[in-house]
Amino acid sequence: MNQLPKLKDFNAPEGYFDRLPDQIMAKSRAKKSHSWIRYAAAAVVVIGLTITWQADLFTPTYHQLTMEEIANLYIESNIWTTEDILSMADDPNGILDQIINEEMPLSEDLWFEDELNWF
């Protein structure tokens, strides 16, 4: 503790406390002159919201889904299973054949008759 420098006593400048109330009052008066900006900003927000409400800018637009899109939503959300879909179809075998044709290539394109008789 002895190695720390000793601080001098603080003395206020001459007449500081006499001028202090006047300085505080001057600063508080300056802030009141800009209070109209808050009211103007609030009025702009209210007017903007009123205009957008009257112009129906917040009205959502709805997209009409097709039956296929609705079915895909039910399938993807796991509400409908494969058996449910096939039981609702008029021709379940046709649906299965279509899926197989879309997902698996035809074997005729992969093999030629000459290659089948290689032995």
PDB file of N, CA and C in Angstrom:
ATOM      1  N   MET A   1       0.814  -1.181   0.000  1.00  0.00           N
ATOM      2  CA  MET A   1       0.000   0.000   0.000  1.00  0.00           C
ATOM      3  C   MET A   1       0.861   1.250   0.000  1.00  0.00           C
ATOM      4  N   ASN A   2       1.997   1.139   0.584  1.00  0.00           N
ATOM      5  CA  ASN A   2       2.864   2.308   0.649  1.00  0.00           C
ATOM      6  C   ASN A   2       3.414   2.676  -0.726  1.00  0.00           C
ATOM      7  N   GLN A   3       3.417   1.715  -1.667  1.00  0.00           N
ATOM      8  CA  GLN A   3       3.977   1.966  -2.988  1.00  0.00           C
ATOM      9  C   GLN A   3       3.002   2.709  -3.902  1.00  0.00           C
ATOM     10  N   LEU A   4       1.739   2.716  -3.587  1.00  0.00           N
ATOM     11  CA  LEU A   4       0.750   3.407  -4.395  1.00  0.00           C
ATOM     12  C   LEU A   4       0.903   4.913  -4.206  1.00  0.00           C
ATOM     13  N   PRO A   5       0.714   5.659  -5.316  1.00  0.00           N
ATOM     14  CA  PRO A   5       0.842   7.108  -5.177  1.00  0.00           C
ATOM     15  C   PRO A   5      -0.342   7.668  -4.397  1.00  0.00           C
ATOM     16  N   LYS A   6      -0.091   8.704  -3.668  1.00  0.00           N
ATOM     17  CA  LYS A   6      -1.150   9.328  -2.885  1.00  0.00           C
ATOM     18  C   LYS A   6      -1.869  10.335  -3.769  1.00  0.00           C
ATOM     19  N   LEU A   7      -3.184  10.322  -3.658  1.00  0.00           N
ATOM     20  CA  LEU A   7      -4.002  11.221  -4.452  1.00  0.00           C
ATOM     21  C   LEU A   7      -4.213  12.513  -3.679  1.00  0.00           C
ATOM     22  N   LYS A   8      -4.268  13.588  -4.459  1.00  0.00           N
ATOM     23  CA  LYS A   8      -4.523  14.877  -3.838  1.00  0.00           C
ATOM     24  C   LYS A   8      -6.008  14.999  -3.558  1.00  0.00           C
ATOM     25  N   ASP A   9      -6.349  15.814  -2.620  1.00  0.00           N
ATOM     26  CA  ASP A   9      -7.750  16.052  -2.303  1.00  0.00           C
ATOM     27  C   ASP A   9      -8.396  16.773  -3.478  1.00  0.00           C
ATOM     28  N   PHE A  10      -9.630  16.378  -3.759  1.00  0.00           N
ATOM     29  CA  PHE A  10     -10.354  16.992  -4.874  1.00  0.00           C
ATOM     30  C   PHE A  10     -10.995  18.284  -4.393  1.00  0.00           C
ATOM     31  N   ASN A  11     -10.756  19.325  -5.175  1.00  0.00           N
ATOM     32  CA  ASN A  11     -11.361  20.619  -4.878  1.00  0.00           C
ATOM     33  C   ASN A  11     -12.203  21.023  -6.069  1.00  0.00           C
ATOM     34  N   ALA A  12     -13.416  21.441  -5.809  1.00  0.00           N
ATOM     35  CA  ALA A  12     -14.308  21.885  -6.873  1.00  0.00           C
ATOM     36  C   ALA A  12     -13.818  23.229  -7.415  1.00  0.00           C
ATOM     37  N   PRO A  13     -14.012  23.479  -8.739  1.00  0.00           N
ATOM     38  CA  PRO A  13     -13.615  24.770  -9.288  1.00  0.00           C
ATOM     39  C   PRO A  13     -14.396  25.899  -8.618  1.00  0.00           C
ATOM     40  N   GLU A  14     -13.833  27.083  -8.688  1.00  0.00           N
ATOM     41  CA  GLU A  14     -14.431  28.242  -8.033  1.00  0.00           C
ATOM     42  C   GLU A  14     -15.792  28.541  -8.631  1.00  0.00           C
ATOM     43  N   GLY A  15     -16.839  28.596  -7.846  1.00  0.00           N
ATOM     44  CA  GLY A  15     -18.184  28.938  -8.273  1.00  0.00           C
ATOM     45  C   GLY A  15     -18.913  27.821  -9.008  1.00  0.00           C
ATOM     46  N   TYR A  16     -18.392  26.584  -8.927  1.00  0.00           N
ATOM     47  CA  TYR A  16     -18.994  25.456  -9.651  1.00  0.00           C
ATOM     48  C   TYR A  16     -20.423  25.198  -9.169  1.00  0.00           C
ATOM     49  N   PHE A  17     -20.632  25.137  -7.909  1.00  0.00           N
ATOM     50  CA  PHE A  17     -21.950  24.824  -7.379  1.00  0.00           C
ATOM     51  C   PHE A  17     -22.921  25.992  -7.519  1.00  0.00           C
ATOM     52  N   ASP A  18     -22.398  27.207  -7.727  1.00  0.00           N
ATOM     53  CA  ASP A  18     -23.275  28.358  -7.978  1.00  0.00           C
ATOM     54  C   ASP A  18     -23.837  28.309  -9.396  1.00  0.00           C
ATOM     55  N   ARG A  19     -23.035  27.829 -10.352  1.00  0.00           N
ATOM     56  CA  ARG A  19     -23.456  27.768 -11.761  1.00  0.00           C
ATOM     57  C   ARG A  19     -24.194  26.469 -12.091  1.00  0.00           C
ATOM     58  N   LEU A  20     -24.081  25.460 -11.284  1.00  0.00           N
ATOM     59  CA  LEU A  20     -24.632  24.130 -11.580  1.00  0.00           C
ATOM     60  C   LEU A  20     -26.142  24.139 -11.808  1.00  0.00           C
ATOM     61  N   PRO A  21     -26.975  24.759 -10.981  1.00  0.00           N
ATOM     62  CA  PRO A  21     -28.425  24.738 -11.244  1.00  0.00           C
ATOM     63  C   PRO A  21     -28.794  25.392 -12.583  1.00  0.00           C
ATOM     64  N   ASP A  22     -28.095  26.472 -12.940  1.00  0.00           N
ATOM     65  CA  ASP A  22     -28.386  27.121 -14.224  1.00  0.00           C
ATOM     66  C   ASP A  22     -28.011  26.224 -15.405  1.00  0.00           C
ATOM     67  N   GLN A  23     -26.914  25.494 -15.298  1.00  0.00           N
ATOM     68  CA  GLN A  23     -26.496  24.587 -16.374  1.00  0.00           C
ATOM     69  C   GLN A  23     -27.487  23.432 -16.524  1.00  0.00           C
ATOM     70  N   ILE A  24     -27.955  22.894 -15.426  1.00  0.00           N
ATOM     71  CA  ILE A  24     -28.923  21.788 -15.474  1.00  0.00           C
ATOM     72  C   ILE A  24     -30.225  22.257 -16.101  1.00  0.00           C
ATOM     73  N   MET A  25     -30.701  23.419 -15.737  1.00  0.00           N
ATOM     74  CA  MET A  25     -31.954  23.948 -16.294  1.00  0.00           C
ATOM     75  C   MET A  25     -31.813  24.237 -17.790  1.00  0.00           C
ATOM     76  N   ALA A  26     -30.656  24.700 -18.231  1.00  0.00           N
ATOM     77  CA  ALA A  26     -30.439  24.990 -19.649  1.00  0.00           C
ATOM     78  C   ALA A  26     -30.478  23.697 -20.474  1.00  0.00           C
ATOM     79  N   LYS A  27     -29.900  22.631 -19.950  1.00  0.00           N
ATOM     80  CA  LYS A  27     -29.911  21.349 -20.666  1.00  0.00           C
ATOM     81  C   LYS A  27     -31.309  20.755 -20.723  1.00  0.00           C
ATOM     82  N   SER A  28     -32.078  20.897 -19.661  1.00  0.00           N
ATOM     83  CA  SER A  28     -33.438  20.330 -19.666  1.00  0.00           C
ATOM     84  C   SER A  28     -34.352  21.109 -20.616  1.00  0.00           C
ATOM     85  N   ARG A  29     -34.147  22.404 -20.769  1.00  0.00           N
ATOM     86  CA  ARG A  29     -34.945  23.196 -21.710  1.00  0.00           C
ATOM     87  C   ARG A  29     -34.610  22.832 -23.144  1.00  0.00           C
ATOM     88  N   ALA A  30     -33.380  22.523 -23.427  1.00  0.00           N
ATOM     89  CA  ALA A  30     -32.969  22.191 -24.793  1.00  0.00           C
ATOM     90  C   ALA A  30     -33.612  20.882 -25.251  1.00  0.00           C
ATOM     91  N   LYS A  31     -33.797  19.928 -24.380  1.00  0.00           N
ATOM     92  CA  LYS A  31     -34.398  18.652 -24.743  1.00  0.00           C
ATOM     93  C   LYS A  31     -35.882  18.789 -25.035  1.00  0.00           C
ATOM     94  N   LYS A  32     -36.562  19.706 -24.413  1.00  0.00           N
ATOM     95  CA  LYS A  32     -37.986  19.862 -24.626  1.00  0.00           C
ATOM     96  C   LYS A  32     -38.297  20.443 -26.004  1.00  0.00           C
ATOM     97  N   SER A  33     -37.366  21.101 -26.622  1.00  0.00           N
ATOM     98  CA  SER A  33     -37.629  21.700 -27.925  1.00  0.00           C
ATOM     99  C   SER A  33     -37.766  20.644 -29.021  1.00  0.00           C
ATOM    100  N   HIS A  34     -37.254  19.441 -28.814  1.00  0.00           N
ATOM    101  CA  HIS A  34     -37.330  18.385 -29.824  1.00  0.00           C
ATOM    102  C   HIS A  34     -38.425  17.361 -29.524  1.00  0.00           C
ATOM    103  N   SER A  35     -39.289  17.622 -28.596  1.00  0.00           N
ATOM    104  CA  SER A  35     -40.313  16.647 -28.239  1.00  0.00           C
ATOM    105  C   SER A  35     -41.369  16.495 -29.335  1.00  0.00           C
ATOM    106  N   TRP A  36     -41.521  17.466 -30.225  1.00  0.00           N
ATOM    107  CA  TRP A  36     -42.513  17.367 -31.297  1.00  0.00           C
ATOM    108  C   TRP A  36     -42.142  16.276 -32.297  1.00  0.00           C
ATOM    109  N   ILE A  37     -40.860  15.894 -32.368  1.00  0.00           N
ATOM    110  CA  ILE A  37     -40.425  14.849 -33.306  1.00  0.00           C
ATOM    111  C   ILE A  37     -41.056  13.510 -32.922  1.00  0.00           C
ATOM    112  N   ARG A  38     -41.176  13.237 -31.652  1.00  0.00           N
ATOM    113  CA  ARG A  38     -41.795  11.976 -31.210  1.00  0.00           C
ATOM    114  C   ARG A  38     -43.258  11.910 -31.632  1.00  0.00           C
ATOM    115  N   TYR A  39     -43.953  13.021 -31.466  1.00  0.00           N
ATOM    116  CA  TYR A  39     -45.363  13.046 -31.858  1.00  0.00           C
ATOM    117  C   TYR A  39     -45.521  12.908 -33.370  1.00  0.00           C
ATOM    118  N   ALA A  40     -44.623  13.539 -34.121  1.00  0.00           N
ATOM    119  CA  ALA A  40     -44.677  13.442 -35.585  1.00  0.00           C
ATOM    120  C   ALA A  40     -44.398  12.011 -36.041  1.00  0.00           C
ATOM    121  N   ALA A  41     -43.431  11.340 -35.416  1.00  0.00           N
ATOM    122  CA  ALA A  41     -43.117   9.954 -35.776  1.00  0.00           C
ATOM    123  C   ALA A  41     -44.292   9.036 -35.446  1.00  0.00           C
ATOM    124  N   ALA A  42     -44.929   9.238 -34.306  1.00  0.00           N
ATOM    125  CA  ALA A  42     -46.087   8.417 -33.944  1.00  0.00           C
ATOM    126  C   ALA A  42     -47.235   8.654 -34.919  1.00  0.00           C
ATOM    127  N   ALA A  43     -47.422   9.904 -35.336  1.00  0.00           N
ATOM    128  CA  ALA A  43     -48.493  10.206 -36.292  1.00  0.00           C
ATOM    129  C   ALA A  43     -48.220   9.554 -37.638  1.00  0.00           C
ATOM    130  N   VAL A  44     -46.971   9.547 -38.085  1.00  0.00           N
ATOM    131  CA  VAL A  44     -46.624   8.914 -39.364  1.00  0.00           C
ATOM    132  C   VAL A  44     -46.900   7.412 -39.300  1.00  0.00           C
ATOM    133  N   VAL A  45     -46.566   6.775 -38.194  1.00  0.00           N
ATOM    134  CA  VAL A  45     -46.810   5.332 -38.052  1.00  0.00           C
ATOM    135  C   VAL A  45     -48.307   5.042 -38.068  1.00  0.00           C
ATOM    136  N   VAL A  46     -49.082   5.832 -37.354  1.00  0.00           N
ATOM    137  CA  VAL A  46     -50.535   5.612 -37.308  1.00  0.00           C
ATOM    138  C   VAL A  46     -51.149   5.839 -38.685  1.00  0.00           C
ATOM    139  N   ILE A  47     -50.733   6.887 -39.374  1.00  0.00           N
ATOM    140  CA  ILE A  47     -51.271   7.164 -40.717  1.00  0.00           C
ATOM    141  C   ILE A  47     -50.877   6.059 -41.687  1.00  0.00           C
ATOM    142  N   GLY A  48     -49.627   5.593 -41.610  1.00  0.00           N
ATOM    143  CA  GLY A  48     -49.183   4.511 -42.486  1.00  0.00           C
ATOM    144  C   GLY A  48     -49.966   3.232 -42.267  1.00  0.00           C
ATOM    145  N   LEU A  49     -50.194   2.879 -41.010  1.00  0.00           N
ATOM    146  CA  LEU A  49     -50.969   1.670 -40.715  1.00  0.00           C
ATOM    147  C   LEU A  49     -52.422   1.811 -41.159  1.00  0.00           C
ATOM    148  N   THR A  50     -52.978   2.992 -41.020  1.00  0.00           N
ATOM    149  CA  THR A  50     -54.355   3.215 -41.454  1.00  0.00           C
ATOM    150  C   THR A  50     -54.486   3.088 -42.966  1.00  0.00           C
ATOM    151  N   ILE A  51     -53.529   3.630 -43.685  1.00  0.00           N
ATOM    152  CA  ILE A  51     -53.579   3.548 -45.159  1.00  0.00           C
ATOM    153  C   ILE A  51     -53.444   2.099 -45.617  1.00  0.00           C
ATOM    154  N   THR A  52     -52.504   1.359 -45.043  1.00  0.00           N
ATOM    155  CA  THR A  52     -52.348  -0.041 -45.461  1.00  0.00           C
ATOM    156  C   THR A  52     -53.546  -0.883 -45.064  1.00  0.00           C
ATOM    157  N   TRP A  53     -54.180  -0.568 -43.943  1.00  0.00           N
ATOM    158  CA  TRP A  53     -55.374  -1.309 -43.533  1.00  0.00           C
ATOM    159  C   TRP A  53     -56.535  -1.003 -44.474  1.00  0.00           C
ATOM    160  N   GLN A  54     -56.707   0.248 -44.840  1.00  0.00           N
ATOM    161  CA  GLN A  54     -57.798   0.627 -45.739  1.00  0.00           C
ATOM    162  C   GLN A  54     -57.575   0.114 -47.155  1.00  0.00           C
ATOM    163  N   ALA A  55     -56.325  -0.029 -47.568  1.00  0.00           N
ATOM    164  CA  ALA A  55     -56.024  -0.499 -48.922  1.00  0.00           C
ATOM    165  C   ALA A  55     -55.974  -2.024 -49.001  1.00  0.00           C
ATOM    166  N   ASP A  56     -56.218  -2.694 -47.897  1.00  0.00           N
ATOM    167  CA  ASP A  56     -56.187  -4.170 -47.818  1.00  0.00           C
ATOM    168  C   ASP A  56     -54.858  -4.749 -48.287  1.00  0.00           C
ATOM    169  N   LEU A  57     -53.766  -4.129 -47.879  1.00  0.00           N
ATOM    170  CA  LEU A  57     -52.449  -4.640 -48.244  1.00  0.00           C
ATOM    171  C   LEU A  57     -52.045  -5.834 -47.395  1.00  0.00           C
ATOM    172  N   PHE A  58     -52.696  -6.009 -46.245  1.00  0.00           N
ATOM    173  CA  PHE A  58     -52.361  -7.122 -45.378  1.00  0.00           C
ATOM    174  C   PHE A  58     -53.264  -8.334 -45.596  1.00  0.00           C
ATOM    175  N   THR A  59     -54.161  -8.272 -46.557  1.00  0.00           N
ATOM    176  CA  THR A  59     -55.062  -9.389 -46.803  1.00  0.00           C
ATOM    177  C   THR A  59     -54.285 -10.512 -47.492  1.00  0.00           C
ATOM    178  N   PRO A  60     -54.259 -11.689 -46.904  1.00  0.00           N
ATOM    179  CA  PRO A  60     -53.513 -12.783 -47.533  1.00  0.00           C
ATOM    180  C   PRO A  60     -54.235 -13.292 -48.776  1.00  0.00           C
ATOM    181  N   THR A  61     -53.439 -13.724 -49.736  1.00  0.00           N
ATOM    182  CA  THR A  61     -54.007 -14.319 -50.937  1.00  0.00           C
ATOM    183  C   THR A  61     -53.912 -15.836 -50.782  1.00  0.00           C
ATOM    184  N   TYR A  62     -54.982 -16.504 -51.121  1.00  0.00           N
ATOM    185  CA  TYR A  62     -55.036 -17.945 -50.970  1.00  0.00           C
ATOM    186  C   TYR A  62     -54.898 -18.606 -52.333  1.00  0.00           C
ATOM    187  N   HIS A  63     -54.122 -19.666 -52.368  1.00  0.00           N
ATOM    188  CA  HIS A  63     -53.902 -20.430 -53.582  1.00  0.00           C
ATOM    189  C   HIS A  63     -54.747 -21.697 -53.509  1.00  0.00           C
ATOM    190  N   GLN A  64     -55.595 -21.893 -54.501  1.00  0.00           N
ATOM    191  CA  GLN A  64     -56.450 -23.074 -54.527  1.00  0.00           C
ATOM    192  C   GLN A  64     -55.615 -24.288 -54.912  1.00  0.00           C
ATOM    193  N   LEU A  65     -55.593 -25.298 -54.061  1.00  0.00           N
ATOM    194  CA  LEU A  65     -54.820 -26.503 -54.316  1.00  0.00           C
ATOM    195  C   LEU A  65     -55.598 -27.468 -55.194  1.00  0.00           C
ATOM    196  N   THR A  66     -54.874 -28.174 -56.044  1.00  0.00           N
ATOM    197  CA  THR A  66     -55.505 -29.211 -56.859  1.00  0.00           C
ATOM    198  C   THR A  66     -55.670 -30.460 -55.998  1.00  0.00           C
ATOM    199  N   MET A  67     -56.445 -31.393 -56.488  1.00  0.00           N
ATOM    200  CA  MET A  67     -56.661 -32.638 -55.748  1.00  0.00           C
ATOM    201  C   MET A  67     -55.349 -33.400 -55.577  1.00  0.00           C
ATOM    202  N   GLU A  68     -54.497 -33.358 -56.585  1.00  0.00           N
ATOM    203  CA  GLU A  68     -53.220 -34.058 -56.490  1.00  0.00           C
ATOM    204  C   GLU A  68     -52.334 -33.427 -55.411  1.00  0.00           C
ATOM    205  N   GLU A  69     -52.321 -32.088 -55.315  1.00  0.00           N
ATOM    206  CA  GLU A  69     -51.538 -31.414 -54.283  1.00  0.00           C
ATOM    207  C   GLU A  69     -52.076 -31.724 -52.891  1.00  0.00           C
ATOM    208  N   ILE A  70     -53.389 -31.774 -52.767  1.00  0.00           N
ATOM    209  CA  ILE A  70     -53.988 -32.112 -51.472  1.00  0.00           C
ATOM    210  C   ILE A  70     -53.623 -33.542 -51.073  1.00  0.00           C
ATOM    211  N   ALA A  71     -53.707 -34.456 -52.030  1.00  0.00           N
ATOM    212  CA  ALA A  71     -53.345 -35.852 -51.745  1.00  0.00           C
ATOM    213  C   ALA A  71     -51.877 -35.958 -51.347  1.00  0.00           C
ATOM    214  N   ASN A  72     -51.002 -35.212 -52.044  1.00  0.00           N
ATOM    215  CA  ASN A  72     -49.579 -35.245 -51.696  1.00  0.00           C
ATOM    216  C   ASN A  72     -49.336 -34.691 -50.293  1.00  0.00           C
ATOM    217  N   LEU A  73     -50.089 -33.681 -49.898  1.00  0.00           N
ATOM    218  CA  LEU A  73     -49.951 -33.153 -48.537  1.00  0.00           C
ATOM    219  C   LEU A  73     -50.359 -34.194 -47.501  1.00  0.00           C
ATOM    220  N   TYR A  74     -51.454 -34.917 -47.768  1.00  0.00           N
ATOM    221  CA  TYR A  74     -51.883 -35.967 -46.848  1.00  0.00           C
ATOM    222  C   TYR A  74     -50.847 -37.096 -46.774  1.00  0.00           C
ATOM    223  N   ILE A  75     -50.261 -37.419 -47.913  1.00  0.00           N
ATOM    224  CA  ILE A  75     -49.261 -38.497 -47.939  1.00  0.00           C
ATOM    225  C   ILE A  75     -48.003 -38.072 -47.194  1.00  0.00           C
ATOM    226  N   GLU A  76     -47.518 -36.855 -47.469  1.00  0.00           N
ATOM    227  CA  GLU A  76     -46.281 -36.389 -46.844  1.00  0.00           C
ATOM    228  C   GLU A  76     -46.434 -36.184 -45.346  1.00  0.00           C
ATOM    229  N   SER A  77     -47.627 -35.879 -44.880  1.00  0.00           N
ATOM    230  CA  SER A  77     -47.840 -35.692 -43.443  1.00  0.00           C
ATOM    231  C   SER A  77     -48.173 -37.009 -42.740  1.00  0.00           C
ATOM    232  N   ASN A  78     -48.113 -38.105 -43.456  1.00  0.00           N
ATOM    233  CA  ASN A  78     -48.356 -39.450 -42.924  1.00  0.00           C
ATOM    234  C   ASN A  78     -49.767 -39.632 -42.385  1.00  0.00           C
ATOM    235  N   ILE A  79     -50.710 -38.898 -42.930  1.00  0.00           N
ATOM    236  CA  ILE A  79     -52.108 -39.110 -42.562  1.00  0.00           C
ATOM    237  C   ILE A  79     -52.661 -40.281 -43.375  1.00  0.00           C
ATOM    238  N   TRP A  80     -52.296 -40.336 -44.645  1.00  0.00           N
ATOM    239  CA  TRP A  80     -52.704 -41.438 -45.510  1.00  0.00           C
ATOM    240  C   TRP A  80     -51.531 -42.388 -45.711  1.00  0.00           C
ATOM    241  N   THR A  81     -51.836 -43.673 -45.722  1.00  0.00           N
ATOM    242  CA  THR A  81     -50.819 -44.685 -46.011  1.00  0.00           C
ATOM    243  C   THR A  81     -51.006 -45.179 -47.441  1.00  0.00           C
ATOM    244  N   THR A  82     -50.111 -46.018 -47.873  1.00  0.00           N
ATOM    245  CA  THR A  82     -50.190 -46.575 -49.222  1.00  0.00           C
ATOM    246  C   THR A  82     -51.471 -47.364 -49.413  1.00  0.00           C
ATOM    247  N   GLU A  83     -51.854 -48.111 -48.403  1.00  0.00           N
ATOM    248  CA  GLU A  83     -53.074 -48.910 -48.500  1.00  0.00           C
ATOM    249  C   GLU A  83     -54.309 -48.020 -48.623  1.00  0.00           C
ATOM    250  N   ASP A  84     -54.315 -46.880 -47.933  1.00  0.00           N
ATOM    251  CA  ASP A  84     -55.445 -45.957 -48.023  1.00  0.00           C
ATOM    252  C   ASP A  84     -55.591 -45.415 -49.441  1.00  0.00           C
ATOM    253  N   ILE A  85     -54.483 -45.062 -50.029  1.00  0.00           N
ATOM    254  CA  ILE A  85     -54.522 -44.483 -51.373  1.00  0.00           C
ATOM    255  C   ILE A  85     -54.973 -45.531 -52.382  1.00  0.00           C
ATOM    256  N   LEU A  86     -54.440 -46.729 -52.274  1.00  0.00           N
ATOM    257  CA  LEU A  86     -54.827 -47.780 -53.221  1.00  0.00           C
ATOM    258  C   LEU A  86     -56.282 -48.189 -53.029  1.00  0.00           C
ATOM    259  N   SER A  87     -56.791 -48.133 -51.807  1.00  0.00           N
ATOM    260  CA  SER A  87     -58.196 -48.503 -51.594  1.00  0.00           C
ATOM    261  C   SER A  87     -59.143 -47.449 -52.167  1.00  0.00           C
ATOM    262  N   MET A  88     -58.695 -46.204 -52.311  1.00  0.00           N
ATOM    263  CA  MET A  88     -59.537 -45.152 -52.876  1.00  0.00           C
ATOM    264  C   MET A  88     -59.487 -45.113 -54.401  1.00  0.00           C
ATOM    265  N   ALA A  89     -58.521 -45.795 -54.990  1.00  0.00           N
ATOM    266  CA  ALA A  89     -58.347 -45.732 -56.447  1.00  0.00           C
ATOM    267  C   ALA A  89     -59.308 -46.674 -57.153  1.00  0.00           C
ATOM    268  N   ASP A  90     -59.707 -46.278 -58.362  1.00  0.00           N
ATOM    269  CA  ASP A  90     -60.559 -47.144 -59.183  1.00  0.00           C
ATOM    270  C   ASP A  90     -59.759 -48.308 -59.744  1.00  0.00           C
ATOM    271  N   ASP A  91     -58.478 -48.051 -60.090  1.00  0.00           N
ATOM    272  CA  ASP A  91     -57.629 -49.076 -60.682  1.00  0.00           C
ATOM    273  C   ASP A  91     -56.290 -49.103 -59.942  1.00  0.00           C
ATOM    274  N   PRO A  92     -56.219 -49.790 -58.795  1.00  0.00           N
ATOM    275  CA  PRO A  92     -54.964 -49.785 -58.029  1.00  0.00           C
ATOM    276  C   PRO A  92     -53.808 -50.442 -58.772  1.00  0.00           C
ATOM    277  N   ASN A  93     -54.104 -51.463 -59.588  1.00  0.00           N
ATOM    278  CA  ASN A  93     -53.026 -52.104 -60.344  1.00  0.00           C
ATOM    279  C   ASN A  93     -52.444 -51.149 -61.379  1.00  0.00           C
ATOM    280  N   GLY A  94     -53.269 -50.311 -61.960  1.00  0.00           N
ATOM    281  CA  GLY A  94     -52.778 -49.322 -62.921  1.00  0.00           C
ATOM    282  C   GLY A  94     -51.863 -48.309 -62.254  1.00  0.00           C
ATOM    283  N   ILE A  95     -52.212 -47.912 -61.037  1.00  0.00           N
ATOM    284  CA  ILE A  95     -51.359 -46.974 -60.298  1.00  0.00           C
ATOM    285  C   ILE A  95     -50.017 -47.612 -59.986  1.00  0.00           C
ATOM    286  N   LEU A  96     -50.036 -48.858 -59.526  1.00  0.00           N
ATOM    287  CA  LEU A  96     -48.785 -49.543 -59.222  1.00  0.00           C
ATOM    288  C   LEU A  96     -47.935 -49.723 -60.466  1.00  0.00           C
ATOM    289  N   ASP A  97     -48.549 -50.062 -61.592  1.00  0.00           N
ATOM    290  CA  ASP A  97     -47.803 -50.198 -62.851  1.00  0.00           C
ATOM    291  C   ASP A  97     -47.178 -48.867 -63.270  1.00  0.00           C
ATOM    292  N   GLN A  98     -47.911 -47.787 -63.075  1.00  0.00           N
ATOM    293  CA  GLN A  98     -47.382 -46.471 -63.436  1.00  0.00           C
ATOM    294  C   GLN A  98     -46.177 -46.110 -62.563  1.00  0.00           C
ATOM    295  N   ILE A  99     -46.251 -46.401 -61.277  1.00  0.00           N
ATOM    296  CA  ILE A  99     -45.133 -46.122 -60.374  1.00  0.00           C
ATOM    297  C   ILE A  99     -43.917 -46.948 -60.755  1.00  0.00           C
ATOM    298  N   ILE A 100     -44.138 -48.199 -61.067  1.00  0.00           N
ATOM    299  CA  ILE A 100     -43.031 -49.071 -61.452  1.00  0.00           C
ATOM    300  C   ILE A 100     -42.400 -48.575 -62.746  1.00  0.00           C
ATOM    301  N   ASN A 101     -43.199 -48.175 -63.716  1.00  0.00           N
ATOM    302  CA  ASN A 101     -42.663 -47.671 -64.982  1.00  0.00           C
ATOM    303  C   ASN A 101     -41.881 -46.368 -64.798  1.00  0.00           C
ATOM    304  N   GLU A 102     -42.298 -45.530 -63.871  1.00  0.00           N
ATOM    305  CA  GLU A 102     -41.608 -44.265 -63.648  1.00  0.00           C
ATOM    306  C   GLU A 102     -40.291 -44.450 -62.903  1.00  0.00           C
ATOM    307  N   GLU A 103     -40.264 -45.387 -61.969  1.00  0.00           N
ATOM    308  CA  GLU A 103     -39.094 -45.503 -61.123  1.00  0.00           C
ATOM    309  C   GLU A 103     -38.093 -46.562 -61.579  1.00  0.00           C
ATOM    310  N   MET A 104     -38.509 -47.503 -62.395  1.00  0.00           N
ATOM    311  CA  MET A 104     -37.594 -48.551 -62.848  1.00  0.00           C
ATOM    312  C   MET A 104     -37.516 -48.516 -64.375  1.00  0.00           C
ATOM    313  N   PRO A 105     -36.310 -48.455 -64.924  1.00  0.00           N
ATOM    314  CA  PRO A 105     -36.194 -48.443 -66.388  1.00  0.00           C
ATOM    315  C   PRO A 105     -36.574 -49.805 -66.966  1.00  0.00           C
ATOM    316  N   LEU A 106     -36.973 -49.779 -68.190  1.00  0.00           N
ATOM    317  CA  LEU A 106     -37.339 -51.032 -68.853  1.00  0.00           C
ATOM    318  C   LEU A 106     -36.099 -51.880 -69.081  1.00  0.00           C
ATOM    319  N   SER A 107     -36.219 -53.168 -68.853  1.00  0.00           N
ATOM    320  CA  SER A 107     -35.064 -54.056 -69.025  1.00  0.00           C
ATOM    321  C   SER A 107     -34.749 -54.272 -70.500  1.00  0.00           C
ATOM    322  N   GLU A 108     -35.688 -54.014 -71.393  1.00  0.00           N
ATOM    323  CA  GLU A 108     -35.430 -54.193 -72.826  1.00  0.00           C
ATOM    324  C   GLU A 108     -34.388 -53.206 -73.328  1.00  0.00           C
ATOM    325  N   ASP A 109     -34.327 -52.046 -72.744  1.00  0.00           N
ATOM    326  CA  ASP A 109     -33.352 -51.058 -73.170  1.00  0.00           C
ATOM    327  C   ASP A 109     -31.948 -51.419 -72.714  1.00  0.00           C
ATOM    328  N   LEU A 110     -31.839 -52.223 -71.671  1.00  0.00           N
ATOM    329  CA  LEU A 110     -30.533 -52.555 -71.131  1.00  0.00           C
ATOM    330  C   LEU A 110     -29.875 -53.741 -71.839  1.00  0.00           C
ATOM    331  N   TRP A 111     -30.650 -54.657 -72.414  1.00  0.00           N
ATOM    332  CA  TRP A 111     -30.089 -55.862 -73.010  1.00  0.00           C
ATOM    333  C   TRP A 111     -30.498 -55.966 -74.470  1.00  0.00           C
ATOM    334  N   PHE A 112     -29.585 -56.387 -75.246  1.00  0.00           N
ATOM    335  CA  PHE A 112     -29.868 -56.672 -76.656  1.00  0.00           C
ATOM    336  C   PHE A 112     -29.949 -58.175 -76.826  1.00  0.00           C
ATOM    337  N   GLU A 113     -30.657 -58.626 -77.860  1.00  0.00           N
ATOM    338  CA  GLU A 113     -30.829 -60.070 -78.064  1.00  0.00           C
ATOM    339  C   GLU A 113     -29.502 -60.748 -78.370  1.00  0.00           C
ATOM    340  N   ASP A 114     -28.591 -60.031 -78.988  1.00  0.00           N
ATOM    341  CA  ASP A 114     -27.279 -60.626 -79.303  1.00  0.00           C
ATOM    342  C   ASP A 114     -26.495 -60.919 -78.031  1.00  0.00           C
ATOM    343  N   GLU A 115     -26.648 -60.089 -77.028  1.00  0.00           N
ATOM    344  CA  GLU A 115     -25.901 -60.271 -75.787  1.00  0.00           C
ATOM    345  C   GLU A 115     -26.496 -61.391 -74.936  1.00  0.00           C
ATOM    346  N   LEU A 116     -27.756 -61.718 -75.129  1.00  0.00           N
ATOM    347  CA  LEU A 116     -28.358 -62.794 -74.347  1.00  0.00           C
ATOM    348  C   LEU A 116     -27.838 -64.158 -74.773  1.00  0.00           C
ATOM    349  N   ASN A 117     -27.401 -64.309 -75.993  1.00  0.00           N
ATOM    350  CA  ASN A 117     -26.897 -65.588 -76.504  1.00  0.00           C
ATOM    351  C   ASN A 117     -25.366 -65.588 -76.569  1.00  0.00           C
ATOM    352  N   TRP A 118     -24.726 -65.203 -75.553  1.00  0.00           N
ATOM    353  CA  TRP A 118     -23.269 -65.110 -75.553  1.00  0.00           C
ATOM    354  C   TRP A 118     -22.578 -66.460 -75.347  1.00  0.00           C
ATOM    355  N   PHE A 119     -23.309 -67.468 -74.892  1.00  0.00           N
ATOM    356  CA  PHE A 119     -22.664 -68.764 -74.615  1.00  0.00           C
ATOM    357  C   PHE A 119     -22.831 -69.748 -75.694  1.00  0.00           C
TER     358      PHE A 119
END
